[in-house]
Amino acid sequence: MTDLEFRITVRGDGSGTSFTTQGVLNRHPLTGAKELEVESGTVTVNPLQRTTIDLLEQWLKRWEWIARFENDERNIARRRLLVPETFRVLGSLLWQLVLDNNVGTTLHAHRRLAEQVQTTLRVLVCFHESATDLALLPWEFLYRPDAPGSPGYFLGTETNLVLSRYMSPGERGRPTMRATEDKLRIILWLTLPATQDYQEDRDACLQTLATLKAQLGPLATIPEPVDGWRPDEVVELLGTKADIVHVVGIYRYHEKQFKIMLPDGTYLPSQNLVDSLVRSQTNRPELVVLHLCDWPQSDATENFERLAPRLVDAGVPAVLAMQYPMQPGDANDFLTTFYEELVESNDVGKAVQAARARSLRQGEQRRFGAPVLYLQSAEGSLLGRRGRPAAGGTALKLRTSASDTLPRPDPGPPVPARPGSDIRQELLDQVELNAPDADSVAVMQNWIDDQDWPTERAAAALIVRSGGRDHLDDETLRPLFAMLLRVLRKAA
C-alpha cells in the first residue's frame, strides 16, 4: 500500500499572538477517500507556555556543553545537571501549542490506522511565512502526551511514521527524486578548520567514512573525501551523478551574517555553499546532509541558522540538517545507522526515523532531536529497482533464517579478514559465555548455525543486526544480539 501523507500547515497572524493549524490527509487508508481536511480554528498563544518552550530550548542548546562538564575527569562531584525528562516536557508543550485540537486528534487516529493496514504515515510540517517565529522551534522533539489507553510517543522516532519539515513548492511544484539504478554515490566534504583543535573531528569523520565503505560496499560508491574548500572538485564529482553530499563544517554568526568557516579561518557567505551544490537542476545531489560541528570559541546558542530552506528552494529534494552541533565522534552511531537503514529501507524518511530512534534509546542526550529532515519529494527512494535491496532487508544480509534466503551480491575483490567459520565460532563462544541459561544458548546456537556467515565482519554485523530486529520483543535474546553486534563492530 502507498504511504499516507498528512500535511500540517501553521499560519500566524503576523504578530505572534495567534495562529491556525490545518491538516490535510491525502487519502483515507480504509475508505479510500481522496482527501480529508481539518482545521484547528484560531488559537491564541499562551504567553507562559511559549516562554516555557523558549526556556527549555535554551537549556537544550547548552545540553552538550553541560554533558561535557559532567564527564570531565576533573569534575569529581559528578553533579547530575542533565534532566532527561526535559525532552518529554518540551515535546508535550510543542504538541499542546499547535496540535492539541482537531488536527492532532486526526493525526493520531490516522497514525493508528496506518499501523493497522501496515503502511507508513508521512507527517509533513509546514510553517507559513506569517509563522516564522514558530518555525524556529525544535519540532523534532514533538511528543504526543499520554492519554487513557494510549501511551505517549515522540513522533520523530516512531517506526510507522515519518516526521519531516516541508516548504511550499511554489510554481515549480514538488521536485522528483531521481533514483539511481545501480549504486548510491556518496561524497563527504570536509570544510573543517585545518587546525590541531579539529584533528580529532577530522579523524572521526574519516573513521565513519571507512565504516560506511565496509558496511555499504556492494551498494555504494564512496570516493576519498573532498578536504578543504574545493567547490570545483565537488562540482566535478556531482557531474558523475552524486546522490548524496555530506558536508561537515562550522556555520556561525560572523560580521552580522551566518557564514561558512573555511579551513584557513576565513568566512564565506553560506550562499556560496548552496551555489556549489546546485549549479543546475541536472547537476545537483538528491540528498544533502549538513553536519554541523561545534565551535568552542563561540556561544553555543548562536552558531546555527538552517541552510536547508535555501537548498530546498534551489531544488534539492531532501536535506538533512543538524539543528544543534554534533561532534563527528558523537554522531558516528547516528550516521552509520542512517546510511545502513537508507540502503535497507531505500527510504530517506524511514532511515532518519530509525537513526533518531536509536539515538533516543542510547540515553539522555539531545542528539535524537538534532537532525531536521526537509523532504520535498513525494517519494524518498534513492535506489531504483535494480539497485534496490530485496524485500525484508539489505542486500548485504545473506540470510535471516533457514527458510529465508536472499541473493548475495558480488562482494568485489576479496578483503583480507577472518574466515566466516572463525566468525561463526567466535559468536558461538560469546553466546556460551554470556547467555543467562541453557535454553537461550540453544536458541542462539541454532540461529547462528542457520546463517551463511561471510568473511567480512561488517557484513556479519548486518546479519546480527537483522536478527536482533527479529527478536526485539524477546527480553532474553535481544541483549544477546546487541552483545554480538558490539563484539563484531569493536573488532572490525
Protein backbone atom coordinates (compact mmCIF):
# COMPACT_ATOMS: atom_id res chain seq x y z
CA MET A 1 0.00 0.00 0.00
CA THR A 2 1.22 3.52 -0.86
CA ASP A 3 2.27 5.59 2.13
CA LEU A 4 -0.22 8.06 3.59
CA GLU A 5 0.67 11.74 3.74
CA PHE A 6 -0.63 14.13 6.39
CA ARG A 7 0.41 17.73 5.79
CA ILE A 8 0.21 20.16 8.71
CA THR A 9 0.31 23.87 7.89
CA VAL A 10 0.64 26.55 10.57
CA ARG A 11 -0.33 30.14 9.68
CA GLY A 12 0.20 33.05 12.06
CA ASP A 13 -1.49 36.42 12.34
CA GLY A 14 1.82 38.19 11.78
CA SER A 15 2.04 39.46 15.35
CA GLY A 16 2.90 36.13 17.00
CA THR A 17 -0.15 36.23 19.25
CA SER A 18 -2.41 33.76 17.41
CA PHE A 19 -2.34 31.19 14.60
CA THR A 20 -4.35 28.45 12.88
CA THR A 21 -3.33 24.86 12.21
CA GLN A 22 -4.62 22.96 9.18
CA GLY A 23 -4.20 19.26 8.47
CA VAL A 24 -4.74 17.60 5.09
CA LEU A 25 -4.61 13.82 4.64
CA ASN A 26 -4.03 12.68 1.06
CA ARG A 27 -6.46 9.75 1.37
CA HIS A 28 -8.19 7.62 3.97
CA PRO A 29 -6.42 4.25 4.44
CA LEU A 30 -9.67 2.26 4.72
CA THR A 31 -12.35 4.10 2.75
CA GLY A 32 -10.01 5.36 0.04
CA ALA A 33 -11.46 8.88 0.24
CA LYS A 34 -9.12 11.14 -1.74
CA GLU A 35 -8.69 13.93 0.81
CA LEU A 36 -9.57 14.75 4.39
CA GLU A 37 -9.15 18.29 5.71
CA VAL A 38 -9.39 19.51 9.32
CA GLU A 39 -8.66 22.86 10.94
CA SER A 40 -8.00 23.98 14.48
CA GLY A 41 -9.68 27.35 14.29
CA THR A 42 -7.86 30.39 15.70
CA VAL A 43 -5.52 29.56 18.58
CA THR A 44 -4.28 32.26 20.93
CA VAL A 45 -0.69 31.75 22.05
CA ASN A 46 -0.39 31.20 25.79
CA PRO A 47 2.46 33.56 26.82
CA LEU A 48 3.56 31.39 29.76
CA GLN A 49 3.53 28.24 27.61
CA ARG A 50 5.57 29.92 24.89
CA THR A 51 8.04 31.33 27.41
CA THR A 52 8.49 27.86 28.92
CA ILE A 53 9.17 26.36 25.49
CA ASP A 54 11.76 29.04 24.74
CA LEU A 55 13.40 28.49 28.13
CA LEU A 56 13.61 24.72 27.64
CA GLU A 57 15.08 25.19 24.18
CA GLN A 58 17.77 27.48 25.55
CA TRP A 59 18.58 24.69 28.01
CA LEU A 60 18.80 22.20 25.13
CA LYS A 61 21.16 24.43 23.18
CA ARG A 62 23.62 24.16 26.05
CA TRP A 63 22.97 20.43 26.65
CA GLU A 64 26.17 19.03 25.12
CA TRP A 65 28.31 21.60 26.89
CA ILE A 66 26.80 20.60 30.22
CA ALA A 67 27.30 16.93 29.33
CA ARG A 68 30.98 17.58 28.72
CA PHE A 69 31.30 19.26 32.10
CA GLU A 70 29.68 16.27 33.80
CA ASN A 71 32.01 13.85 32.01
CA ASP A 72 35.15 15.88 32.63
CA GLU A 73 37.62 13.88 34.72
CA ARG A 74 38.24 16.98 36.83
CA ASN A 75 34.59 17.19 37.87
CA ILE A 76 34.95 14.94 40.89
CA ALA A 77 31.48 15.75 42.24
CA ARG A 78 29.77 14.42 39.08
CA ARG A 79 26.73 16.55 39.72
CA ARG A 80 23.62 15.39 37.83
CA LEU A 81 22.82 18.54 35.89
CA LEU A 82 21.05 16.89 32.95
CA VAL A 83 17.37 16.06 33.34
CA PRO A 84 16.22 13.53 30.68
CA GLU A 85 12.54 14.42 31.15
CA THR A 86 13.36 17.77 29.52
CA PHE A 87 12.74 16.24 26.07
CA ARG A 88 9.36 14.80 27.00
CA VAL A 89 8.18 18.02 28.68
CA LEU A 90 9.34 20.19 25.78
CA GLY A 91 7.78 17.82 23.23
CA SER A 92 4.47 17.78 25.13
CA LEU A 93 4.38 21.59 25.22
CA LEU A 94 5.04 21.73 21.47
CA TRP A 95 2.14 19.33 20.89
CA GLN A 96 -0.15 21.40 23.13
CA LEU A 97 0.89 24.55 21.28
CA VAL A 98 -0.22 23.51 17.77
CA LEU A 99 -1.80 20.02 17.89
CA ASP A 100 -3.98 19.94 20.99
CA ASN A 101 -7.03 20.24 18.72
CA ASN A 102 -8.86 18.51 15.84
CA VAL A 103 -5.69 18.37 13.77
CA GLY A 104 -3.76 16.48 16.45
CA THR A 105 -6.70 14.14 17.09
CA THR A 106 -6.94 13.33 13.37
CA LEU A 107 -3.18 12.82 13.11
CA HIS A 108 -3.15 10.35 15.99
CA ALA A 109 -6.19 8.46 14.68
CA HIS A 110 -4.66 8.00 11.24
CA ARG A 111 -1.31 7.04 12.70
CA ARG A 112 -3.13 4.11 14.35
CA LEU A 113 -4.99 3.31 11.12
CA ALA A 114 -1.72 3.32 9.18
CA GLU A 115 -0.35 0.83 11.69
CA GLN A 116 -3.40 -1.43 11.24
CA VAL A 117 -3.06 -1.53 7.44
CA GLN A 118 0.75 -1.83 7.69
CA THR A 119 1.73 1.32 5.89
CA THR A 120 3.66 4.47 6.81
CA LEU A 121 2.15 7.82 7.73
CA ARG A 122 4.30 10.69 6.48
CA VAL A 123 3.77 13.83 8.55
CA LEU A 124 4.93 16.99 6.78
CA VAL A 125 5.05 20.11 8.97
CA CYS A 126 4.91 23.37 7.05
CA PHE A 127 5.13 26.87 8.54
CA HIS A 128 3.72 29.76 6.53
CA GLU A 129 5.88 32.88 6.31
CA SER A 130 3.46 34.51 8.78
CA ALA A 131 4.55 31.96 11.42
CA THR A 132 8.34 32.07 11.07
CA ASP A 133 8.72 32.52 14.84
CA LEU A 134 7.09 29.11 15.36
CA ALA A 135 9.20 27.53 12.60
CA LEU A 136 12.33 28.22 14.66
CA LEU A 137 11.23 25.87 17.46
CA PRO A 138 12.68 22.31 17.66
CA TRP A 139 9.69 20.35 16.30
CA GLU A 140 11.76 17.17 16.05
CA PHE A 141 11.10 16.73 19.81
CA LEU A 142 7.33 16.76 19.21
CA TYR A 143 5.71 14.38 21.72
CA ARG A 144 2.09 13.28 21.91
CA PRO A 145 1.35 13.11 25.65
CA ASP A 146 -0.02 10.03 27.38
CA ALA A 147 -3.79 9.53 27.15
CA PRO A 148 -6.09 6.82 28.58
CA GLY A 149 -5.32 3.60 26.72
CA SER A 150 -2.69 5.33 24.55
CA PRO A 151 0.90 5.77 25.77
CA GLY A 152 2.75 8.87 24.66
CA TYR A 153 5.34 8.83 21.88
CA PHE A 154 7.90 11.02 20.11
CA LEU A 155 6.74 11.50 16.52
CA GLY A 156 10.34 11.69 15.33
CA THR A 157 11.22 8.16 16.46
CA GLU A 158 8.12 6.14 15.52
CA THR A 159 8.74 3.27 13.10
CA ASN A 160 5.49 3.52 11.13
CA LEU A 161 5.61 7.31 10.93
CA VAL A 162 7.97 9.73 9.19
CA LEU A 163 8.27 13.28 10.57
CA SER A 164 9.77 15.89 8.26
CA ARG A 165 9.51 19.57 7.56
CA TYR A 166 8.10 20.88 4.33
CA MET A 167 8.26 24.06 2.27
CA SER A 168 5.51 25.20 -0.06
CA PRO A 169 6.77 24.19 -3.51
CA GLY A 170 5.66 27.34 -5.36
CA GLU A 171 5.32 27.39 -9.12
CA ARG A 172 7.88 24.67 -9.79
CA GLY A 173 5.94 22.07 -7.83
CA ARG A 174 7.50 19.29 -5.78
CA PRO A 175 10.87 18.00 -7.05
CA THR A 176 11.23 14.37 -8.02
CA MET A 177 14.00 12.29 -6.51
CA ARG A 178 15.96 10.73 -9.35
CA ALA A 179 16.73 7.21 -8.19
CA THR A 180 19.97 5.62 -9.32
CA GLU A 181 19.78 2.16 -10.89
CA ASP A 182 22.97 0.63 -9.54
CA LYS A 183 24.81 2.12 -6.54
CA LEU A 184 24.45 5.11 -4.26
CA ARG A 185 27.20 7.66 -4.79
CA ILE A 186 28.15 9.46 -1.58
CA ILE A 187 30.55 12.43 -1.32
CA LEU A 188 31.99 13.53 2.03
CA TRP A 189 33.02 17.18 2.00
CA LEU A 190 35.11 18.37 4.98
CA THR A 191 35.30 22.14 5.40
CA LEU A 192 36.57 21.96 8.99
CA PRO A 193 39.40 24.25 10.12
CA ALA A 194 42.82 22.75 9.42
CA THR A 195 43.98 23.18 13.00
CA GLN A 196 45.06 20.82 15.76
CA ASP A 197 41.81 21.61 17.62
CA TYR A 198 39.86 19.85 14.90
CA GLN A 199 42.20 16.96 14.14
CA GLU A 200 40.19 14.62 16.35
CA ASP A 201 36.99 15.59 14.49
CA ARG A 202 38.68 15.04 11.15
CA ASP A 203 39.91 11.61 12.23
CA ALA A 204 36.40 10.71 13.41
CA CYS A 205 34.94 11.72 10.01
CA LEU A 206 37.45 9.54 8.19
CA GLN A 207 36.68 6.65 10.54
CA THR A 208 32.97 6.99 9.81
CA LEU A 209 33.77 7.03 6.09
CA ALA A 210 35.80 3.83 6.43
CA THR A 211 32.93 2.19 8.35
CA LEU A 212 30.46 3.17 5.63
CA LYS A 213 32.72 1.81 2.91
CA ALA A 214 32.93 -1.52 4.73
CA GLN A 215 29.22 -1.78 5.50
CA LEU A 216 27.74 -0.40 2.28
CA GLY A 217 30.45 -1.55 -0.11
CA PRO A 218 28.41 -3.54 -2.67
CA LEU A 219 25.66 -0.91 -2.82
CA ALA A 220 27.58 2.37 -2.60
CA THR A 221 30.42 4.18 -4.33
CA ILE A 222 32.27 6.37 -1.81
CA PRO A 223 35.33 8.23 -3.15
CA GLU A 224 38.01 9.80 -1.00
CA PRO A 225 36.66 12.85 0.85
CA VAL A 226 36.95 16.36 -0.51
CA ASP A 227 39.06 18.02 2.19
CA GLY A 228 39.00 21.81 2.33
CA TRP A 229 37.13 24.49 0.42
CA ARG A 230 37.28 22.86 -3.02
CA PRO A 231 33.88 23.52 -4.62
CA ASP A 232 35.20 22.81 -8.13
CA GLU A 233 36.14 19.29 -7.04
CA VAL A 234 32.65 18.78 -5.59
CA VAL A 235 31.05 20.08 -8.80
CA GLU A 236 33.17 17.67 -10.82
CA LEU A 237 32.02 14.75 -8.66
CA LEU A 238 28.42 15.93 -8.93
CA GLY A 239 28.79 15.72 -12.68
CA THR A 240 29.17 11.96 -12.30
CA LYS A 241 25.75 11.83 -10.56
CA ALA A 242 26.34 12.06 -6.82
CA ASP A 243 23.22 11.01 -4.93
CA ILE A 244 24.34 12.30 -1.52
CA VAL A 245 26.69 15.09 -0.50
CA HIS A 246 27.57 15.03 3.21
CA VAL A 247 29.04 18.36 4.36
CA VAL A 248 30.88 18.58 7.68
CA GLY A 249 31.77 22.08 8.83
CA ILE A 250 31.35 25.13 11.04
CA TYR A 251 28.48 27.55 10.47
CA ARG A 252 28.38 30.61 12.71
CA TYR A 253 27.42 34.24 13.06
CA HIS A 254 30.20 36.48 11.75
CA GLU A 255 30.03 40.16 10.78
CA LYS A 256 26.23 40.23 11.14
CA GLN A 257 25.75 37.21 8.87
CA PHE A 258 25.72 33.45 9.25
CA LYS A 259 28.68 32.16 7.28
CA ILE A 260 30.66 29.03 6.48
CA MET A 261 34.03 28.92 8.21
CA LEU A 262 36.81 27.86 5.84
CA PRO A 263 39.82 25.71 6.77
CA ASP A 264 42.10 28.77 6.88
CA GLY A 265 39.88 30.53 9.43
CA THR A 266 38.23 32.96 6.99
CA TYR A 267 34.49 33.07 6.26
CA LEU A 268 32.25 32.91 3.21
CA PRO A 269 28.53 33.69 2.90
CA SER A 270 26.51 30.49 3.15
CA GLN A 271 25.06 31.05 -0.32
CA ASN A 272 28.45 30.06 -1.73
CA LEU A 273 27.91 26.55 -0.39
CA VAL A 274 24.43 26.38 -1.92
CA ASP A 275 25.75 27.58 -5.29
CA SER A 276 28.49 24.96 -5.19
CA LEU A 277 26.00 22.15 -4.65
CA VAL A 278 23.33 23.30 -7.11
CA ARG A 279 24.79 24.67 -10.33
CA SER A 280 21.70 23.46 -12.23
CA GLN A 281 18.75 21.11 -11.78
CA THR A 282 20.59 18.44 -13.76
CA ASN A 283 23.73 18.88 -11.67
CA ARG A 284 22.53 18.62 -8.09
CA PRO A 285 22.50 15.95 -5.35
CA GLU A 286 19.29 14.18 -4.35
CA LEU A 287 20.13 14.46 -0.64
CA VAL A 288 22.38 16.92 1.19
CA VAL A 289 23.45 16.18 4.77
CA LEU A 290 24.52 19.31 6.66
CA HIS A 291 26.56 18.11 9.60
CA LEU A 292 27.28 20.99 11.94
CA CYS A 293 30.28 20.74 14.25
CA ASP A 294 30.80 22.74 17.39
CA TRP A 295 32.96 25.86 17.55
CA PRO A 296 34.48 26.06 21.06
CA GLN A 297 35.10 29.81 20.98
CA SER A 298 31.50 30.77 20.23
CA ASP A 299 28.28 30.91 22.20
CA ALA A 300 26.54 27.55 21.84
CA THR A 301 23.21 29.36 21.46
CA GLU A 302 24.23 31.37 18.39
CA ASN A 303 26.09 29.17 15.96
CA PHE A 304 23.48 27.90 13.56
CA GLU A 305 20.94 29.09 11.04
CA ARG A 306 19.43 26.44 8.80
CA LEU A 307 20.80 26.26 5.30
CA ALA A 308 18.19 23.62 4.46
CA PRO A 309 15.49 26.02 3.18
CA ARG A 310 17.96 27.61 0.77
CA LEU A 311 18.93 24.21 -0.64
CA VAL A 312 15.28 23.19 -0.89
CA ASP A 313 14.49 26.46 -2.67
CA ALA A 314 17.33 25.67 -5.08
CA GLY A 315 15.66 22.37 -5.97
CA VAL A 316 17.29 19.74 -3.73
CA PRO A 317 14.58 17.11 -2.97
CA ALA A 318 15.83 16.21 0.53
CA VAL A 319 18.06 17.92 3.11
CA LEU A 320 19.06 16.52 6.49
CA ALA A 321 20.45 19.30 8.69
CA MET A 322 21.65 19.31 12.29
CA GLN A 323 19.84 21.98 14.31
CA TYR A 324 22.35 21.51 17.15
CA PRO A 325 26.09 20.89 16.85
CA MET A 326 27.06 17.23 16.85
CA GLN A 327 30.70 16.26 17.10
CA PRO A 328 31.75 13.68 14.45
CA GLY A 329 32.69 11.13 17.11
CA ASP A 330 29.33 11.56 18.85
CA ALA A 331 27.50 11.37 15.52
CA ASN A 332 29.14 8.14 14.36
CA ASP A 333 26.36 5.84 15.60
CA PHE A 334 23.62 8.06 14.20
CA LEU A 335 25.27 8.38 10.79
CA THR A 336 26.18 4.72 10.35
CA THR A 337 22.64 3.72 11.39
CA PHE A 338 21.16 6.28 9.00
CA TYR A 339 23.14 5.07 6.00
CA GLU A 340 22.60 1.39 6.81
CA GLU A 341 18.87 1.99 7.10
CA LEU A 342 18.89 4.07 3.93
CA VAL A 343 20.27 1.10 1.99
CA GLU A 344 17.97 -1.36 3.72
CA SER A 345 14.66 0.52 3.54
CA ASN A 346 15.54 2.57 0.45
CA ASP A 347 13.68 5.49 2.01
CA VAL A 348 15.26 8.69 3.35
CA GLY A 349 12.47 9.43 5.84
CA LYS A 350 12.37 5.94 7.33
CA ALA A 351 16.17 5.90 7.65
CA VAL A 352 16.11 9.18 9.60
CA GLN A 353 13.37 7.87 11.92
CA ALA A 354 15.34 4.68 12.64
CA ALA A 355 18.54 6.62 13.37
CA ARG A 356 16.67 9.02 15.67
CA ALA A 357 15.09 6.07 17.50
CA ARG A 358 18.49 4.50 18.09
CA SER A 359 19.86 7.78 19.43
CA LEU A 360 16.94 8.05 21.85
CA ARG A 361 17.50 4.52 23.14
CA GLN A 362 21.15 5.31 23.84
CA GLY A 363 20.41 7.64 26.73
CA GLU A 364 19.76 11.16 27.84
CA GLN A 365 21.50 13.14 25.09
CA ARG A 366 19.60 15.57 22.86
CA ARG A 367 21.09 14.02 19.70
CA PHE A 368 17.93 12.20 18.63
CA GLY A 369 16.24 15.58 18.08
CA ALA A 370 19.20 17.27 16.39
CA PRO A 371 18.58 16.03 12.80
CA VAL A 372 15.96 18.04 10.89
CA LEU A 373 14.67 16.46 7.69
CA TYR A 374 13.28 18.55 4.85
CA LEU A 375 11.73 16.03 2.46
CA GLN A 376 10.10 17.72 -0.52
CA SER A 377 9.81 14.77 -2.88
CA ALA A 378 6.68 12.62 -2.67
CA GLU A 379 8.99 9.61 -2.81
CA GLY A 380 12.11 9.24 -0.67
CA SER A 381 13.76 6.42 -2.65
CA LEU A 382 17.35 6.83 -3.82
CA LEU A 383 17.80 3.34 -5.29
CA GLY A 384 15.92 2.21 -8.40
CA ARG A 385 14.65 -1.30 -8.99
CA ARG A 386 18.00 -2.81 -9.97
CA GLY A 387 19.79 -1.16 -7.05
CA ARG A 388 17.00 -1.69 -4.54
CA PRO A 389 17.67 -4.25 -1.78
CA ALA A 390 15.49 -7.34 -1.65
CA ALA A 391 12.29 -7.03 0.36
CA GLY A 392 12.75 -7.64 4.06
CA GLY A 393 16.32 -6.46 4.44
CA THR A 394 19.51 -5.12 2.97
CA ALA A 395 21.18 -6.85 0.06
CA LEU A 396 24.23 -7.19 2.28
CA LYS A 397 22.23 -9.52 4.52
CA LEU A 398 22.75 -13.10 3.42
CA ARG A 399 20.06 -14.99 5.28
CA THR A 400 17.74 -14.19 8.18
CA SER A 401 16.61 -17.75 8.80
CA ALA A 402 16.95 -21.25 7.36
CA SER A 403 13.89 -20.73 5.15
CA ASP A 404 14.50 -17.11 4.11
CA THR A 405 17.40 -16.97 1.65
CA LEU A 406 18.34 -13.74 -0.11
CA PRO A 407 20.63 -13.40 -3.13
CA ARG A 408 24.18 -12.46 -2.28
CA PRO A 409 25.66 -9.58 -4.30
CA ASP A 410 29.08 -9.75 -5.85
CA PRO A 411 31.35 -8.63 -3.00
CA GLY A 412 34.09 -7.46 -5.37
CA PRO A 413 37.77 -8.18 -4.71
CA PRO A 414 38.37 -10.28 -1.60
CA VAL A 415 39.11 -8.32 1.55
CA PRO A 416 41.59 -9.84 3.98
CA ALA A 417 39.57 -10.89 7.01
CA ARG A 418 39.00 -13.76 9.33
CA PRO A 419 37.21 -16.69 7.65
CA GLY A 420 33.45 -16.97 8.10
CA SER A 421 33.94 -20.15 10.10
CA ASP A 422 36.03 -18.16 12.59
CA ILE A 423 33.26 -15.58 12.92
CA ARG A 424 30.72 -18.34 13.48
CA GLN A 425 32.84 -19.93 16.20
CA GLU A 426 33.56 -16.59 17.83
CA LEU A 427 29.83 -15.84 18.08
CA LEU A 428 29.09 -19.30 19.45
CA ASP A 429 31.77 -18.80 22.10
CA GLN A 430 30.36 -15.40 23.07
CA VAL A 431 26.85 -16.85 23.42
CA GLU A 432 28.10 -19.64 25.65
CA LEU A 433 29.87 -17.11 27.86
CA ASN A 434 27.08 -14.54 28.09
CA ALA A 435 23.72 -16.32 27.71
CA PRO A 436 21.79 -16.45 31.01
CA ASP A 437 20.54 -20.04 30.68
CA ALA A 438 20.80 -23.24 28.64
CA ASP A 439 17.61 -22.57 26.68
CA SER A 440 18.96 -19.23 25.45
CA VAL A 441 22.24 -20.86 24.49
CA ALA A 442 20.41 -23.49 22.43
CA VAL A 443 18.20 -20.96 20.62
CA MET A 444 21.12 -18.65 19.78
CA GLN A 445 23.34 -21.54 18.69
CA ASN A 446 20.63 -22.75 16.31
CA TRP A 447 20.23 -19.25 14.91
CA ILE A 448 23.99 -18.82 14.40
CA ASP A 449 24.29 -22.24 12.72
CA ASP A 450 21.45 -21.33 10.33
CA GLN A 451 23.30 -18.32 8.93
CA ASP A 452 25.69 -18.32 5.98
CA TRP A 453 28.43 -16.20 7.51
CA PRO A 454 30.59 -14.01 5.23
CA THR A 455 34.27 -13.33 5.77
CA GLU A 456 33.72 -9.58 6.20
CA ARG A 457 32.96 -8.63 9.79
CA ALA A 458 30.95 -5.56 8.76
CA ALA A 459 28.65 -7.74 6.64
CA ALA A 460 28.38 -10.23 9.52
CA ALA A 461 27.36 -7.35 11.80
CA LEU A 462 24.45 -6.56 9.48
CA ILE A 463 23.22 -10.16 9.75
CA VAL A 464 23.36 -9.98 13.56
CA ARG A 465 21.66 -6.60 13.48
CA SER A 466 18.82 -8.01 11.38
CA GLY A 467 18.47 -10.96 13.74
CA GLY A 468 18.21 -8.53 16.65
CA ARG A 469 15.35 -6.73 14.94
CA ASP A 470 13.52 -10.05 14.51
CA HIS A 471 13.76 -10.58 18.29
CA LEU A 472 13.02 -7.07 19.58
CA ASP A 473 10.18 -8.36 21.74
CA ASP A 474 12.26 -11.08 23.40
CA GLU A 475 13.68 -9.67 26.64
CA THR A 476 16.23 -12.50 26.91
CA LEU A 477 17.52 -12.74 23.33
CA ARG A 478 17.53 -9.03 22.45
CA PRO A 479 20.50 -8.24 24.75
CA LEU A 480 22.41 -11.21 23.33
CA PHE A 481 22.07 -9.91 19.78
CA ALA A 482 23.18 -6.46 20.98
CA MET A 483 26.22 -8.04 22.66
CA LEU A 484 27.19 -9.93 19.47
CA LEU A 485 26.85 -6.74 17.44
CA ARG A 486 29.20 -4.89 19.79
CA VAL A 487 31.74 -7.72 19.55
CA LEU A 488 31.74 -7.63 15.74
CA ARG A 489 31.88 -3.85 15.47
CA LYS A 490 34.60 -3.49 18.08
CA ALA A 491 36.83 -5.98 16.29
CA ALA A 492 36.07 -4.72 12.77
